[in-house]
Amino acid sequence: MLKYLGFLLLLIVIISGGYYLVTYMQDAQAEPQKITEGRMETKGTSIDYFENIHGYYAEPVDAGDYPGVIMIHEWWGLNEHMKTQADELASHGYRVLAVDLFGSVATTADQARTQVAGLDQARALENLKAAERYLRSKGATRIASLGWCFGGGQALQLSIVPGERLDATVIYYGTPLVTEEEKLKGINWPVLGIFGDVDQAIPTTTVEEFKGALTKLNIRNDIRIYPGVGHAFANPSNAGFAPQETADAWATTLAFLEENLKS
């Protein structure tokens, strides 16, 4: 009898505990947090920032003094992946403008090559300068350029415009990679470079030349060459996507931006 009563009491406790656990989980789900694991709730929208060109602008929902980032797409154009990247970066406390340098989105490599081949570089730089002005109009006093592949090359191209005033540059395997000291000498802010050592488009010798030129010019730089990965290793849609190296590169990027835009 005592054994029966003990078992019945244990069953009641288990059922009650389960009820309160489910109730607690339902309450927690009913009130989502604005900040989760250091990330902020963001809002993003399509905006007209240069003539008839529309970019994607993302920022934290809560008002604040946030630095800006000009985000530049790969040769595919301003696709959904880039918009997701803009949202992700904005969630760490940035005003992000993902620009559009093509006005179209490629779905094949041939289409992407055609977009790059048809680029008007002078107009592209005007586009990027307009993006910078837009971010400053939103209150960003410190600004970085950030891009992948084609966009990494454009992030560097903006940085070497005579008289340009940025606070940081981030290049993910950017092409073309400028190595001439005469062209790089105008940069007076830190540069982060992310590369792969089996990148067929950018040999490690060229990366070392780039690093050497920056160092000789006393431009503070952090050049990372990840072993065993190739071009576009940080793009999840790429066959050579390297998740571990991508995570490390992104953590490095966030720390670099934190130090140079927020400190």
Protein backbone atom coordinates (compact mmCIF):
# COMPACT_ATOMS: atom_id res chain seq x y z
CA MET A 1 0.00 0.00 0.00
CA LEU A 2 2.80 2.37 0.96
CA LYS A 3 4.65 1.48 -2.21
CA TYR A 4 1.50 2.24 -4.23
CA LEU A 5 1.02 5.62 -2.54
CA GLY A 6 4.69 6.48 -3.12
CA PHE A 7 4.42 5.64 -6.83
CA LEU A 8 1.21 7.68 -7.14
CA LEU A 9 2.88 10.70 -5.50
CA LEU A 10 5.89 10.43 -7.83
CA LEU A 11 3.57 10.29 -10.85
CA ILE A 12 1.75 13.46 -9.72
CA VAL A 13 5.07 15.32 -9.30
CA ILE A 14 6.24 14.27 -12.78
CA ILE A 15 2.97 15.32 -14.41
CA SER A 16 2.93 18.64 -12.56
CA GLY A 17 6.56 19.34 -13.43
CA GLY A 18 5.88 18.57 -17.07
CA TYR A 19 2.89 20.92 -17.06
CA TYR A 20 4.91 23.79 -15.61
CA LEU A 21 7.81 23.12 -17.99
CA VAL A 22 5.50 23.27 -21.03
CA THR A 23 3.81 26.40 -19.64
CA TYR A 24 7.23 28.05 -19.11
CA MET A 25 8.33 27.23 -22.66
CA GLN A 26 5.09 28.64 -24.10
CA ASP A 27 5.54 31.88 -22.12
CA ALA A 28 9.15 32.19 -23.28
CA GLN A 29 8.12 31.75 -26.91
CA ALA A 30 5.33 34.30 -26.54
CA GLU A 31 7.81 37.10 -25.74
CA PRO A 32 10.77 36.93 -28.19
CA GLN A 33 13.90 38.78 -27.09
CA LYS A 34 15.19 41.74 -29.10
CA ILE A 35 18.76 40.62 -28.46
CA THR A 36 19.72 36.97 -28.83
CA GLU A 37 23.33 35.84 -28.40
CA GLY A 38 24.59 39.38 -28.82
CA ARG A 39 22.47 40.07 -31.91
CA MET A 40 19.96 42.89 -32.22
CA GLU A 41 16.59 42.92 -33.89
CA THR A 42 16.94 44.57 -37.30
CA LYS A 43 14.84 46.01 -40.08
CA GLY A 44 15.73 46.03 -43.76
CA THR A 45 14.28 47.67 -46.83
CA SER A 46 14.99 48.47 -50.47
CA ILE A 47 16.10 52.09 -50.89
CA ASP A 48 16.96 54.35 -53.81
CA TYR A 49 20.43 55.76 -53.12
CA PHE A 50 21.98 56.42 -56.55
CA GLU A 51 20.01 57.66 -59.56
CA ASN A 52 17.61 54.78 -60.32
CA ILE A 53 19.64 52.15 -58.48
CA HIS A 54 18.11 50.40 -55.47
CA GLY A 55 20.18 48.93 -52.68
CA TYR A 56 19.24 47.04 -49.54
CA TYR A 57 19.55 48.98 -46.29
CA ALA A 58 19.55 47.24 -42.90
CA GLU A 59 19.90 48.69 -39.41
CA PRO A 60 19.01 47.84 -35.80
CA VAL A 61 15.40 48.49 -34.80
CA ASP A 62 16.46 50.37 -31.68
CA ALA A 63 17.75 53.90 -32.22
CA GLY A 64 21.45 54.38 -31.59
CA ASP A 65 24.78 55.71 -32.78
CA TYR A 66 25.79 52.99 -35.24
CA PRO A 67 28.72 53.02 -37.67
CA GLY A 68 28.14 52.25 -41.35
CA VAL A 69 29.28 49.54 -43.74
CA ILE A 70 29.17 49.69 -47.53
CA MET A 71 28.58 46.03 -48.44
CA ILE A 72 29.50 45.00 -52.00
CA HIS A 73 28.19 41.87 -53.68
CA GLU A 74 29.97 39.13 -55.63
CA TRP A 75 29.80 38.93 -59.42
CA TRP A 76 26.26 37.52 -59.09
CA GLY A 77 24.85 40.90 -58.11
CA LEU A 78 22.67 42.01 -55.20
CA ASN A 79 20.94 38.70 -54.54
CA GLU A 80 19.13 37.35 -51.49
CA HIS A 81 22.36 35.99 -50.02
CA MET A 82 23.81 39.50 -49.87
CA LYS A 83 20.65 40.84 -48.24
CA THR A 84 20.90 38.11 -45.62
CA GLN A 85 24.52 39.08 -45.01
CA ALA A 86 23.44 42.71 -44.58
CA ASP A 87 20.82 41.69 -42.00
CA GLU A 88 23.38 39.56 -40.17
CA LEU A 89 25.94 42.35 -39.95
CA ALA A 90 23.30 44.93 -38.96
CA SER A 91 22.31 42.69 -36.05
CA HIS A 92 25.74 43.37 -34.54
CA GLY A 93 25.05 47.10 -34.38
CA TYR A 94 25.77 48.54 -37.84
CA ARG A 95 24.00 50.52 -40.52
CA VAL A 96 24.57 48.43 -43.64
CA LEU A 97 23.93 49.43 -47.23
CA ALA A 98 24.27 46.50 -49.62
CA VAL A 99 24.83 48.24 -52.93
CA ASP A 100 23.87 47.20 -56.46
CA LEU A 101 26.59 47.79 -59.05
CA PHE A 102 24.88 45.89 -61.90
CA GLY A 103 21.15 46.53 -61.67
CA SER A 104 20.56 42.83 -62.31
CA VAL A 105 21.18 39.44 -60.71
CA ALA A 106 22.96 36.64 -62.55
CA THR A 107 22.02 32.99 -62.09
CA THR A 108 24.75 31.47 -64.27
CA ALA A 109 28.51 31.99 -64.43
CA ASP A 110 28.22 33.23 -68.03
CA GLN A 111 25.70 35.88 -66.98
CA ALA A 112 27.96 36.90 -64.09
CA ARG A 113 30.99 37.21 -66.38
CA THR A 114 28.96 39.40 -68.73
CA GLN A 115 27.97 41.67 -65.85
CA VAL A 116 31.58 42.11 -64.75
CA ALA A 117 32.83 42.64 -68.30
CA GLY A 118 30.25 45.37 -68.86
CA LEU A 119 31.04 47.27 -65.67
CA ASP A 120 31.72 50.99 -66.01
CA GLN A 121 34.32 51.42 -63.26
CA ALA A 122 33.96 55.19 -63.05
CA ARG A 123 30.19 54.89 -62.62
CA ALA A 124 30.68 52.07 -60.09
CA LEU A 125 32.83 54.36 -57.95
CA GLU A 126 30.20 57.08 -58.12
CA ASN A 127 27.68 54.46 -57.02
CA LEU A 128 29.85 53.54 -54.01
CA LYS A 129 30.42 57.18 -53.09
CA ALA A 130 26.66 57.71 -53.17
CA ALA A 131 26.30 54.76 -50.79
CA GLU A 132 28.80 56.38 -48.45
CA ARG A 133 26.88 59.66 -48.54
CA TYR A 134 23.65 57.82 -47.79
CA LEU A 135 25.15 56.16 -44.72
CA ARG A 136 26.49 59.47 -43.47
CA SER A 137 23.04 61.01 -43.97
CA LYS A 138 21.66 58.27 -41.70
CA GLY A 139 24.07 59.29 -38.96
CA ALA A 140 27.07 57.00 -39.52
CA THR A 141 30.25 58.92 -38.74
CA ARG A 142 32.61 55.96 -39.17
CA ILE A 143 32.34 53.81 -42.29
CA ALA A 144 33.97 50.69 -43.73
CA SER A 145 33.88 49.08 -47.15
CA LEU A 146 33.36 45.31 -47.24
CA GLY A 147 33.06 42.96 -50.18
CA TRP A 148 33.46 39.42 -51.47
CA CYS A 149 35.20 38.38 -54.71
CA PHE A 150 34.25 41.06 -57.27
CA GLY A 151 32.91 43.06 -54.34
CA GLY A 152 36.18 42.68 -52.46
CA GLY A 153 37.98 44.18 -55.43
CA GLN A 154 35.49 47.05 -55.47
CA ALA A 155 35.92 47.60 -51.72
CA LEU A 156 39.61 48.11 -52.45
CA GLN A 157 38.94 50.27 -55.52
CA LEU A 158 36.88 52.66 -53.39
CA SER A 159 39.63 52.73 -50.79
CA ILE A 160 42.30 53.90 -53.24
CA VAL A 161 40.26 56.76 -54.71
CA PRO A 162 42.36 59.91 -54.06
CA GLY A 163 40.99 61.80 -51.09
CA GLU A 164 38.69 58.97 -49.98
CA ARG A 165 37.95 58.94 -46.24
CA LEU A 166 37.04 55.58 -44.75
CA ASP A 167 37.80 53.99 -41.39
CA ALA A 168 38.33 50.35 -42.41
CA THR A 169 38.40 48.08 -45.47
CA VAL A 170 37.55 44.37 -45.53
CA ILE A 171 38.43 42.30 -48.58
CA TYR A 172 37.33 38.71 -49.06
CA TYR A 173 39.46 37.29 -51.90
CA GLY A 174 38.97 40.51 -53.84
CA THR A 175 39.72 40.71 -57.54
CA PRO A 176 41.54 42.49 -59.00
CA LEU A 177 43.96 42.75 -56.07
CA VAL A 178 45.96 45.98 -56.33
CA THR A 179 49.59 45.58 -55.24
CA GLU A 180 51.21 48.79 -56.54
CA GLU A 181 52.43 51.00 -53.70
CA GLU A 182 51.69 54.14 -55.70
CA LYS A 183 47.99 53.21 -55.84
CA LEU A 184 47.75 52.01 -52.25
CA LYS A 185 49.56 54.89 -50.56
CA GLY A 186 46.41 56.96 -50.01
CA ILE A 187 44.93 54.43 -47.58
CA ASN A 188 45.36 55.67 -44.02
CA TRP A 189 43.13 53.19 -42.20
CA PRO A 190 43.37 49.44 -41.37
CA VAL A 191 42.81 46.72 -43.96
CA LEU A 192 41.60 43.16 -43.35
CA GLY A 193 42.21 40.64 -46.12
CA ILE A 194 40.71 37.13 -46.24
CA PHE A 195 42.13 34.65 -48.77
CA GLY A 196 42.50 30.93 -49.51
CA ASP A 197 45.83 29.35 -50.33
CA VAL A 198 44.50 27.29 -53.25
CA ASP A 199 42.61 30.18 -54.86
CA GLN A 200 43.23 29.82 -58.61
CA ALA A 201 42.18 33.45 -59.22
CA ILE A 202 44.50 35.02 -56.63
CA PRO A 203 47.86 33.27 -56.12
CA THR A 204 49.34 33.47 -52.64
CA THR A 205 52.34 35.25 -54.16
CA THR A 206 50.02 38.11 -55.14
CA VAL A 207 48.51 38.16 -51.65
CA GLU A 208 52.00 38.38 -50.16
CA GLU A 209 52.84 41.25 -52.51
CA PHE A 210 49.71 43.02 -51.35
CA LYS A 211 50.59 42.51 -47.70
CA GLY A 212 54.18 43.59 -48.32
CA ALA A 213 53.09 46.80 -50.04
CA LEU A 214 50.68 47.68 -47.21
CA THR A 215 53.32 46.98 -44.57
CA LYS A 216 55.95 49.03 -46.40
CA LEU A 217 53.50 51.94 -46.55
CA ASN A 218 52.83 51.59 -42.80
CA ILE A 219 49.19 50.73 -43.46
CA ARG A 220 47.99 48.57 -40.58
CA ASN A 221 46.83 45.27 -42.01
CA ASP A 222 45.69 41.80 -41.06
CA ILE A 223 46.04 39.43 -44.00
CA ARG A 224 44.71 35.90 -43.42
CA ILE A 225 45.44 33.06 -45.83
CA TYR A 226 43.37 29.97 -44.98
CA PRO A 227 44.99 26.65 -45.92
CA GLY A 228 43.21 24.18 -48.16
CA VAL A 229 40.43 26.48 -49.39
CA GLY A 230 39.92 28.23 -52.70
CA HIS A 231 38.08 31.16 -54.19
CA ALA A 232 34.62 32.03 -52.81
CA PHE A 233 35.05 29.58 -49.93
CA ALA A 234 32.73 31.75 -47.78
CA ASN A 235 29.72 31.42 -50.08
CA PRO A 236 27.39 28.58 -48.98
CA SER A 237 26.21 28.04 -52.58
CA ASN A 238 29.77 27.42 -53.78
CA ALA A 239 30.97 23.83 -54.24
CA GLY A 240 34.13 24.77 -52.34
CA PHE A 241 32.27 26.23 -49.37
CA ALA A 242 34.31 25.81 -46.19
CA PRO A 243 32.04 26.31 -43.15
CA GLN A 244 34.72 26.20 -40.47
CA GLU A 245 36.99 28.68 -42.23
CA THR A 246 34.00 30.87 -43.07
CA ALA A 247 32.94 31.00 -39.41
CA ASP A 248 36.46 31.93 -38.35
CA ALA A 249 36.74 34.59 -41.08
CA TRP A 250 33.40 36.12 -40.08
CA ALA A 251 34.36 36.20 -36.41
CA THR A 252 37.61 37.90 -37.43
CA THR A 253 35.64 40.39 -39.53
CA LEU A 254 33.30 41.26 -36.66
CA ALA A 255 36.23 41.76 -34.28
CA PHE A 256 38.04 43.91 -36.86
CA LEU A 257 34.99 46.14 -37.44
CA GLU A 258 34.34 46.37 -33.70
CA GLU A 259 37.89 47.57 -33.09
CA ASN A 260 38.07 50.04 -35.96
CA LEU A 261 34.52 51.40 -36.17
CA LYS A 262 33.34 51.29 -32.57
CA SER A 263 36.41 51.69 -30.36
